[in-house]
Amino acid sequence: MSDPELIKISGCKNQIRMGDVIFVHGLGGSARSTWHPQQQEDDNNFWPAWLGKDLPNVGIWCLGYEVEALKWKGDKLLGI
């Protein structure tokens, strides 16, 4: 498992920015593909980048980390 990564998208180097927005994906997602429309994974179709253009005084980040839903084995949760 790799370490979590905070990816700079827009406005992150601005020392006087008003705040920060961090996009956090869910189970089975990723820092980039979660925020694209399906089959359109390019920078022109990336929701965090759009927000950065609209809010130039805000740092926009994506948090990337590995996560999967738990997969239970067997018929029972506990062997009681």
Protein backbone atom coordinates (compact mmCIF):
# COMPACT_ATOMS: atom_id res chain seq x y z
CA MET A 1 0.00 0.00 0.00
CA SER A 2 1.39 3.40 -0.92
CA ASP A 3 1.37 6.47 1.29
CA PRO A 4 -1.39 9.08 0.95
CA GLU A 5 -0.51 11.95 -1.38
CA LEU A 6 -1.76 15.55 -1.35
CA ILE A 7 -1.77 16.76 -4.97
CA LYS A 8 -1.60 20.48 -5.78
CA ILE A 9 -4.20 21.49 -8.38
CA SER A 10 -4.50 25.28 -8.32
CA GLY A 11 -3.62 28.30 -6.15
CA CYS A 12 -1.62 26.25 -3.64
CA LYS A 13 1.51 28.43 -3.81
CA ASN A 14 -0.46 31.63 -3.14
CA GLN A 15 0.78 32.67 0.32
CA ILE A 16 -2.19 35.01 0.87
CA ARG A 17 -4.94 32.66 -0.29
CA MET A 18 -8.28 32.87 1.51
CA GLY A 19 -8.53 29.15 2.24
CA ASP A 20 -8.16 25.67 0.83
CA VAL A 21 -10.46 23.03 -0.65
CA ILE A 22 -9.35 19.40 -0.50
CA PHE A 23 -11.12 16.86 -2.72
CA VAL A 24 -11.28 13.43 -1.04
CA HIS A 25 -12.44 10.45 -3.11
CA GLY A 26 -14.39 7.49 -1.77
CA LEU A 27 -14.06 3.71 -1.87
CA GLY A 28 -12.54 2.43 -5.08
CA GLY A 29 -11.87 5.96 -6.37
CA SER A 30 -8.70 7.89 -7.07
CA ALA A 31 -7.46 11.44 -6.69
CA ARG A 32 -7.91 12.15 -10.39
CA SER A 33 -10.39 9.76 -12.01
CA THR A 34 -13.12 10.38 -9.42
CA TRP A 35 -13.44 14.02 -10.48
CA HIS A 36 -13.72 13.46 -14.26
CA PRO A 37 -16.83 12.62 -16.27
CA GLN A 38 -16.72 8.99 -17.40
CA GLN A 39 -14.48 8.38 -20.43
CA GLN A 40 -13.20 12.00 -20.34
CA GLU A 41 -10.10 11.86 -18.15
CA ASP A 42 -8.23 14.93 -19.35
CA ASP A 43 -7.45 18.28 -17.71
CA ASN A 44 -10.25 20.03 -19.65
CA ASN A 45 -12.80 17.82 -17.88
CA PHE A 46 -11.51 17.96 -14.31
CA TRP A 47 -13.85 19.40 -11.70
CA PRO A 48 -11.14 20.59 -9.23
CA ALA A 49 -9.41 22.54 -12.03
CA TRP A 50 -12.72 24.21 -12.95
CA LEU A 51 -13.17 25.29 -9.34
CA GLY A 52 -9.62 26.66 -9.29
CA LYS A 53 -10.41 28.89 -12.28
CA ASP A 54 -13.52 30.21 -10.53
CA LEU A 55 -11.79 30.71 -7.17
CA PRO A 56 -8.24 31.98 -7.85
CA ASN A 57 -7.70 33.01 -4.21
CA VAL A 58 -8.31 29.49 -2.90
CA GLY A 59 -5.88 26.56 -2.86
CA ILE A 60 -7.34 23.48 -4.56
CA TRP A 61 -5.93 20.06 -3.64
CA CYS A 62 -6.79 16.38 -4.20
CA LEU A 63 -6.00 13.73 -1.63
CA GLY A 64 -4.92 10.44 -3.13
CA TYR A 65 -4.84 7.21 -1.14
CA GLU A 66 -5.46 3.52 -1.72
CA VAL A 67 -8.76 2.19 -0.42
CA GLU A 68 -11.03 -0.74 -1.22
CA ALA A 69 -14.31 -1.91 0.20
CA LEU A 70 -13.96 -4.79 2.64
CA LYS A 71 -14.55 -8.18 1.13
CA TRP A 72 -15.98 -10.62 3.64
CA LYS A 73 -15.06 -14.26 3.26
CA GLY A 74 -17.40 -17.04 4.21
CA ASP A 75 -21.03 -17.01 5.21
CA LYS A 76 -20.67 -15.40 8.63
CA LEU A 77 -19.04 -12.30 10.00
CA LEU A 78 -18.03 -14.10 13.21
CA GLY A 79 -17.28 -17.76 13.63
CA ILE A 80 -19.53 -18.19 16.67
